[in-house]
Amino acid sequence: MAAITPDMKVGEIVRNWPETMRVFRSHGLNLQCGGTHSVAFAAGKHGFDLETFLAELNAAVVDPK
């Protein structure tokens, strides 16, 4: 299982696991910030439940669709 954590930067995640981009897009995120913010920051800023968001990201890596 992938270990995407709350403190990882969005850009780092997409570089390491491009398949996660579909999860970010499904939440309306397009990396316009340059991917410099953490997953926790993005979740908080956009009102996402952090644990659910992390689970979706990690699932995309484990079981890409």
PDB file of N, CA and C in Angstrom:
ATOM      1  N   MET A   1       0.842  -1.192   0.000  1.00  0.00           N
ATOM      2  CA  MET A   1       0.000   0.000   0.000  1.00  0.00           C
ATOM      3  C   MET A   1       0.878   1.242   0.000  1.00  0.00           C
ATOM      4  N   ALA A   2       0.446   2.225  -0.734  1.00  0.00           N
ATOM      5  CA  ALA A   2       1.178   3.489  -0.788  1.00  0.00           C
ATOM      6  C   ALA A   2       1.082   4.179   0.553  1.00  0.00           C
ATOM      7  N   ALA A   3       2.012   5.030   0.792  1.00  0.00           N
ATOM      8  CA  ALA A   3       2.027   5.745   2.065  1.00  0.00           C
ATOM      9  C   ALA A   3       1.928   7.243   1.832  1.00  0.00           C
ATOM     10  N   ILE A   4       0.837   7.666   1.247  1.00  0.00           N
ATOM     11  CA  ILE A   4       0.604   9.094   1.076  1.00  0.00           C
ATOM     12  C   ILE A   4       0.135   9.617   2.423  1.00  0.00           C
ATOM     13  N   THR A   5       0.843  10.602   2.919  1.00  0.00           N
ATOM     14  CA  THR A   5       0.578  11.128   4.257  1.00  0.00           C
ATOM     15  C   THR A   5       0.128  12.582   4.182  1.00  0.00           C
ATOM     16  N   PRO A   6      -0.468  13.100   5.264  1.00  0.00           N
ATOM     17  CA  PRO A   6      -0.993  14.463   5.257  1.00  0.00           C
ATOM     18  C   PRO A   6       0.045  15.538   4.989  1.00  0.00           C
ATOM     19  N   ASP A   7       1.288  15.287   5.360  1.00  0.00           N
ATOM     20  CA  ASP A   7       2.318  16.315   5.211  1.00  0.00           C
ATOM     21  C   ASP A   7       2.989  16.315   3.845  1.00  0.00           C
ATOM     22  N   MET A   8       2.669  15.345   3.000  1.00  0.00           N
ATOM     23  CA  MET A   8       3.274  15.297   1.664  1.00  0.00           C
ATOM     24  C   MET A   8       2.700  16.411   0.794  1.00  0.00           C
ATOM     25  N   LYS A   9       3.550  16.960  -0.045  1.00  0.00           N
ATOM     26  CA  LYS A   9       3.137  18.018  -0.976  1.00  0.00           C
ATOM     27  C   LYS A   9       2.384  17.410  -2.151  1.00  0.00           C
ATOM     28  N   VAL A  10       1.377  18.108  -2.600  1.00  0.00           N
ATOM     29  CA  VAL A  10       0.545  17.637  -3.704  1.00  0.00           C
ATOM     30  C   VAL A  10       1.395  17.355  -4.947  1.00  0.00           C
ATOM     31  N   GLY A  11       2.304  18.254  -5.276  1.00  0.00           N
ATOM     32  CA  GLY A  11       3.158  18.057  -6.453  1.00  0.00           C
ATOM     33  C   GLY A  11       4.019  16.817  -6.349  1.00  0.00           C
ATOM     34  N   GLU A  12       4.541  16.549  -5.171  1.00  0.00           N
ATOM     35  CA  GLU A  12       5.357  15.360  -4.925  1.00  0.00           C
ATOM     36  C   GLU A  12       4.531  14.094  -5.160  1.00  0.00           C
ATOM     37  N   ILE A  13       3.293  14.130  -4.683  1.00  0.00           N
ATOM     38  CA  ILE A  13       2.411  12.972  -4.844  1.00  0.00           C
ATOM     39  C   ILE A  13       2.147  12.702  -6.321  1.00  0.00           C
ATOM     40  N   VAL A  14       1.803  13.746  -7.068  1.00  0.00           N
ATOM     41  CA  VAL A  14       1.493  13.568  -8.491  1.00  0.00           C
ATOM     42  C   VAL A  14       2.726  13.130  -9.281  1.00  0.00           C
ATOM     43  N   ARG A  15       3.888  13.644  -8.911  1.00  0.00           N
ATOM     44  CA  ARG A  15       5.120  13.197  -9.590  1.00  0.00           C
ATOM     45  C   ARG A  15       5.387  11.715  -9.324  1.00  0.00           C
ATOM     46  N   ASN A  16       5.204  11.284  -8.089  1.00  0.00           N
ATOM     47  CA  ASN A  16       5.483   9.894  -7.730  1.00  0.00           C
ATOM     48  C   ASN A  16       4.387   8.931  -8.168  1.00  0.00           C
ATOM     49  N   TRP A  17       3.161   9.402  -8.154  1.00  0.00           N
ATOM     50  CA  TRP A  17       2.009   8.564  -8.499  1.00  0.00           C
ATOM     51  C   TRP A  17       1.068   9.355  -9.404  1.00  0.00           C
ATOM     52  N   PRO A  18       1.356   9.445 -10.696  1.00  0.00           N
ATOM     53  CA  PRO A  18       0.520  10.239 -11.611  1.00  0.00           C
ATOM     54  C   PRO A  18      -0.950   9.824 -11.602  1.00  0.00           C
ATOM     55  N   GLU A  19      -1.224   8.589 -11.265  1.00  0.00           N
ATOM     56  CA  GLU A  19      -2.618   8.118 -11.241  1.00  0.00           C
ATOM     57  C   GLU A  19      -3.452   8.827 -10.179  1.00  0.00           C
ATOM     58  N   THR A  20      -2.817   9.505  -9.230  1.00  0.00           N
ATOM     59  CA  THR A  20      -3.568  10.252  -8.214  1.00  0.00           C
ATOM     60  C   THR A  20      -4.174  11.536  -8.770  1.00  0.00           C
ATOM     61  N   MET A  21      -3.725  11.967  -9.929  1.00  0.00           N
ATOM     62  CA  MET A  21      -4.244  13.210 -10.507  1.00  0.00           C
ATOM     63  C   MET A  21      -5.750  13.141 -10.702  1.00  0.00           C
ATOM     64  N   ARG A  22      -6.277  11.970 -11.023  1.00  0.00           N
ATOM     65  CA  ARG A  22      -7.735  11.845 -11.205  1.00  0.00           C
ATOM     66  C   ARG A  22      -8.473  12.099  -9.898  1.00  0.00           C
ATOM     67  N   VAL A  23      -7.868  11.750  -8.763  1.00  0.00           N
ATOM     68  CA  VAL A  23      -8.489  12.017  -7.456  1.00  0.00           C
ATOM     69  C   VAL A  23      -8.492  13.516  -7.194  1.00  0.00           C
ATOM     70  N   PHE A  24      -7.353  14.157  -7.442  1.00  0.00           N
ATOM     71  CA  PHE A  24      -7.294  15.610  -7.245  1.00  0.00           C
ATOM     72  C   PHE A  24      -8.310  16.312  -8.136  1.00  0.00           C
ATOM     73  N   ARG A  25      -8.382  15.904  -9.387  1.00  0.00           N
ATOM     74  CA  ARG A  25      -9.340  16.530 -10.318  1.00  0.00           C
ATOM     75  C   ARG A  25     -10.781  16.288  -9.890  1.00  0.00           C
ATOM     76  N   SER A  26     -11.061  15.105  -9.360  1.00  0.00           N
ATOM     77  CA  SER A  26     -12.436  14.804  -8.946  1.00  0.00           C
ATOM     78  C   SER A  26     -12.880  15.703  -7.792  1.00  0.00           C
ATOM     79  N   HIS A  27     -11.910  16.297  -7.104  1.00  0.00           N
ATOM     80  CA  HIS A  27     -12.202  17.231  -6.017  1.00  0.00           C
ATOM     81  C   HIS A  27     -12.024  18.687  -6.456  1.00  0.00           C
ATOM     82  N   GLY A  28     -11.843  18.884  -7.759  1.00  0.00           N
ATOM     83  CA  GLY A  28     -11.732  20.236  -8.280  1.00  0.00           C
ATOM     84  C   GLY A  28     -10.354  20.867  -8.119  1.00  0.00           C
ATOM     85  N   LEU A  29      -9.337  20.045  -7.855  1.00  0.00           N
ATOM     86  CA  LEU A  29      -7.978  20.566  -7.692  1.00  0.00           C
ATOM     87  C   LEU A  29      -7.199  20.344  -8.986  1.00  0.00           C
ATOM     88  N   ASN A  30      -6.488  21.377  -9.418  1.00  0.00           N
ATOM     89  CA  ASN A  30      -5.783  21.285 -10.693  1.00  0.00           C
ATOM     90  C   ASN A  30      -4.301  21.624 -10.587  1.00  0.00           C
ATOM     91  N   LEU A  31      -3.771  21.712  -9.407  1.00  0.00           N
ATOM     92  CA  LEU A  31      -2.367  22.033  -9.145  1.00  0.00           C
ATOM     93  C   LEU A  31      -1.993  23.435  -9.589  1.00  0.00           C
ATOM     94  N   GLN A  32      -2.975  24.313  -9.664  1.00  0.00           N
ATOM     95  CA  GLN A  32      -2.724  25.694 -10.033  1.00  0.00           C
ATOM     96  C   GLN A  32      -1.734  26.357  -9.070  1.00  0.00           C
ATOM     97  N   CYS A  33      -1.686  25.851  -7.843  1.00  0.00           N
ATOM     98  CA  CYS A  33      -0.758  26.395  -6.845  1.00  0.00           C
ATOM     99  C   CYS A  33       0.662  25.910  -7.084  1.00  0.00           C
ATOM    100  N   GLY A  34       0.850  25.062  -8.084  1.00  0.00           N
ATOM    101  CA  GLY A  34       2.173  24.516  -8.358  1.00  0.00           C
ATOM    102  C   GLY A  34       2.463  23.272  -7.548  1.00  0.00           C
ATOM    103  N   GLY A  35       1.494  22.795  -6.819  1.00  0.00           N
ATOM    104  CA  GLY A  35       1.676  21.580  -6.037  1.00  0.00           C
ATOM    105  C   GLY A  35       2.515  21.775  -4.795  1.00  0.00           C
ATOM    106  N   THR A  36       2.635  23.018  -4.341  1.00  0.00           N
ATOM    107  CA  THR A  36       3.529  23.317  -3.224  1.00  0.00           C
ATOM    108  C   THR A  36       2.898  23.109  -1.855  1.00  0.00           C
ATOM    109  N   HIS A  37       1.594  22.914  -1.805  1.00  0.00           N
ATOM    110  CA  HIS A  37       0.912  22.758  -0.522  1.00  0.00           C
ATOM    111  C   HIS A  37       0.771  21.283  -0.161  1.00  0.00           C
ATOM    112  N   SER A  38       0.626  21.034   1.120  1.00  0.00           N
ATOM    113  CA  SER A  38       0.459  19.663   1.602  1.00  0.00           C
ATOM    114  C   SER A  38      -0.979  19.183   1.372  1.00  0.00           C
ATOM    115  N   VAL A  39      -1.138  17.884   1.457  1.00  0.00           N
ATOM    116  CA  VAL A  39      -2.473  17.296   1.348  1.00  0.00           C
ATOM    117  C   VAL A  39      -3.358  17.839   2.465  1.00  0.00           C
ATOM    118  N   ALA A  40      -2.814  17.960   3.669  1.00  0.00           N
ATOM    119  CA  ALA A  40      -3.594  18.472   4.800  1.00  0.00           C
ATOM    120  C   ALA A  40      -4.054  19.905   4.536  1.00  0.00           C
ATOM    121  N   PHE A  41      -3.183  20.727   3.984  1.00  0.00           N
ATOM    122  CA  PHE A  41      -3.543  22.104   3.665  1.00  0.00           C
ATOM    123  C   PHE A  41      -4.659  22.124   2.621  1.00  0.00           C
ATOM    124  N   ALA A  42      -4.497  21.341   1.552  1.00  0.00           N
ATOM    125  CA  ALA A  42      -5.494  21.308   0.481  1.00  0.00           C
ATOM    126  C   ALA A  42      -6.842  20.848   1.014  1.00  0.00           C
ATOM    127  N   ALA A  43      -6.837  19.810   1.830  1.00  0.00           N
ATOM    128  CA  ALA A  43      -8.087  19.296   2.388  1.00  0.00           C
ATOM    129  C   ALA A  43      -8.759  20.354   3.261  1.00  0.00           C
ATOM    130  N   GLY A  44      -7.984  20.999   4.105  1.00  0.00           N
ATOM    131  CA  GLY A  44      -8.533  22.025   4.986  1.00  0.00           C
ATOM    132  C   GLY A  44      -9.059  23.222   4.229  1.00  0.00           C
ATOM    133  N   LYS A  45      -8.302  23.680   3.246  1.00  0.00           N
ATOM    134  CA  LYS A  45      -8.690  24.859   2.480  1.00  0.00           C
ATOM    135  C   LYS A  45      -9.977  24.627   1.688  1.00  0.00           C
ATOM    136  N   HIS A  46     -10.142  23.397   1.193  1.00  0.00           N
ATOM    137  CA  HIS A  46     -11.292  23.103   0.335  1.00  0.00           C
ATOM    138  C   HIS A  46     -12.413  22.359   1.064  1.00  0.00           C
ATOM    139  N   GLY A  47     -12.234  22.154   2.366  1.00  0.00           N
ATOM    140  CA  GLY A  47     -13.290  21.542   3.161  1.00  0.00           C
ATOM    141  C   GLY A  47     -13.455  20.046   2.985  1.00  0.00           C
ATOM    142  N   PHE A  48     -12.382  19.349   2.588  1.00  0.00           N
ATOM    143  CA  PHE A  48     -12.454  17.899   2.439  1.00  0.00           C
ATOM    144  C   PHE A  48     -12.146  17.241   3.773  1.00  0.00           C
ATOM    145  N   ASP A  49     -12.744  16.087   4.003  1.00  0.00           N
ATOM    146  CA  ASP A  49     -12.362  15.276   5.152  1.00  0.00           C
ATOM    147  C   ASP A  49     -10.992  14.673   4.841  1.00  0.00           C
ATOM    148  N   LEU A  50     -10.009  14.993   5.667  1.00  0.00           N
ATOM    149  CA  LEU A  50      -8.634  14.594   5.403  1.00  0.00           C
ATOM    150  C   LEU A  50      -8.478  13.083   5.313  1.00  0.00           C
ATOM    151  N   GLU A  51      -9.049  12.353   6.239  1.00  0.00           N
ATOM    152  CA  GLU A  51      -8.884  10.888   6.244  1.00  0.00           C
ATOM    153  C   GLU A  51      -9.492  10.259   4.991  1.00  0.00           C
ATOM    154  N   THR A  52     -10.660  10.745   4.584  1.00  0.00           N
ATOM    155  CA  THR A  52     -11.306  10.232   3.377  1.00  0.00           C
ATOM    156  C   THR A  52     -10.478  10.560   2.139  1.00  0.00           C
ATOM    157  N   PHE A  53      -9.975  11.791   2.083  1.00  0.00           N
ATOM    158  CA  PHE A  53      -9.148  12.232   0.954  1.00  0.00           C
ATOM    159  C   PHE A  53      -7.881  11.378   0.861  1.00  0.00           C
ATOM    160  N   LEU A  54      -7.223  11.154   1.983  1.00  0.00           N
ATOM    161  CA  LEU A  54      -6.022  10.307   1.994  1.00  0.00           C
ATOM    162  C   LEU A  54      -6.342   8.887   1.551  1.00  0.00           C
ATOM    163  N   ALA A  55      -7.459   8.363   2.004  1.00  0.00           N
ATOM    164  CA  ALA A  55      -7.859   7.011   1.613  1.00  0.00           C
ATOM    165  C   ALA A  55      -8.083   6.925   0.110  1.00  0.00           C
ATOM    166  N   GLU A  56      -8.702   7.947  -0.476  1.00  0.00           N
ATOM    167  CA  GLU A  56      -8.922   7.963  -1.927  1.00  0.00           C
ATOM    168  C   GLU A  56      -7.604   8.023  -2.681  1.00  0.00           C
ATOM    169  N   LEU A  57      -6.687   8.861  -2.197  1.00  0.00           N
ATOM    170  CA  LEU A  57      -5.379   8.967  -2.857  1.00  0.00           C
ATOM    171  C   LEU A  57      -4.619   7.653  -2.784  1.00  0.00           C
ATOM    172  N   ASN A  58      -4.586   7.056  -1.610  1.00  0.00           N
ATOM    173  CA  ASN A  58      -3.871   5.800  -1.443  1.00  0.00           C
ATOM    174  C   ASN A  58      -4.533   4.675  -2.232  1.00  0.00           C
ATOM    175  N   ALA A  59      -5.852   4.671  -2.310  1.00  0.00           N
ATOM    176  CA  ALA A  59      -6.556   3.652  -3.094  1.00  0.00           C
ATOM    177  C   ALA A  59      -6.238   3.786  -4.582  1.00  0.00           C
ATOM    178  N   ALA A  60      -6.065   5.009  -5.051  1.00  0.00           N
ATOM    179  CA  ALA A  60      -5.734   5.233  -6.466  1.00  0.00           C
ATOM    180  C   ALA A  60      -4.387   4.620  -6.810  1.00  0.00           C
ATOM    181  N   VAL A  61      -3.481   4.626  -5.846  1.00  0.00           N
ATOM    182  CA  VAL A  61      -2.156   4.058  -6.064  1.00  0.00           C
ATOM    183  C   VAL A  61      -2.209   2.540  -5.986  1.00  0.00           C
ATOM    184  N   VAL A  62      -2.976   2.014  -5.052  1.00  0.00           N
ATOM    185  CA  VAL A  62      -3.070   0.574  -4.853  1.00  0.00           C
ATOM    186  C   VAL A  62      -3.890  -0.083  -5.953  1.00  0.00           C
ATOM    187  N   ASP A  63      -4.977   0.579  -6.337  1.00  0.00           N
ATOM    188  CA  ASP A  63      -5.909  -0.006  -7.285  1.00  0.00           C
ATOM    189  C   ASP A  63      -6.322   1.012  -8.333  1.00  0.00           C
ATOM    190  N   PRO A  64      -5.368   1.420  -9.213  1.00  0.00           N
ATOM    191  CA  PRO A  64      -5.723   2.434 -10.206  1.00  0.00           C
ATOM    192  C   PRO A  64      -6.820   1.947 -11.131  1.00  0.00           C
ATOM    193  N   LYS A  65      -7.741   2.839 -11.429  1.00  0.00           N
ATOM    194  CA  LYS A  65      -8.855   2.482 -12.326  1.00  0.00           C
ATOM    195  C   LYS A  65      -8.776   3.277 -13.600  1.00  0.00           C
TER     196      LYS A  65
END
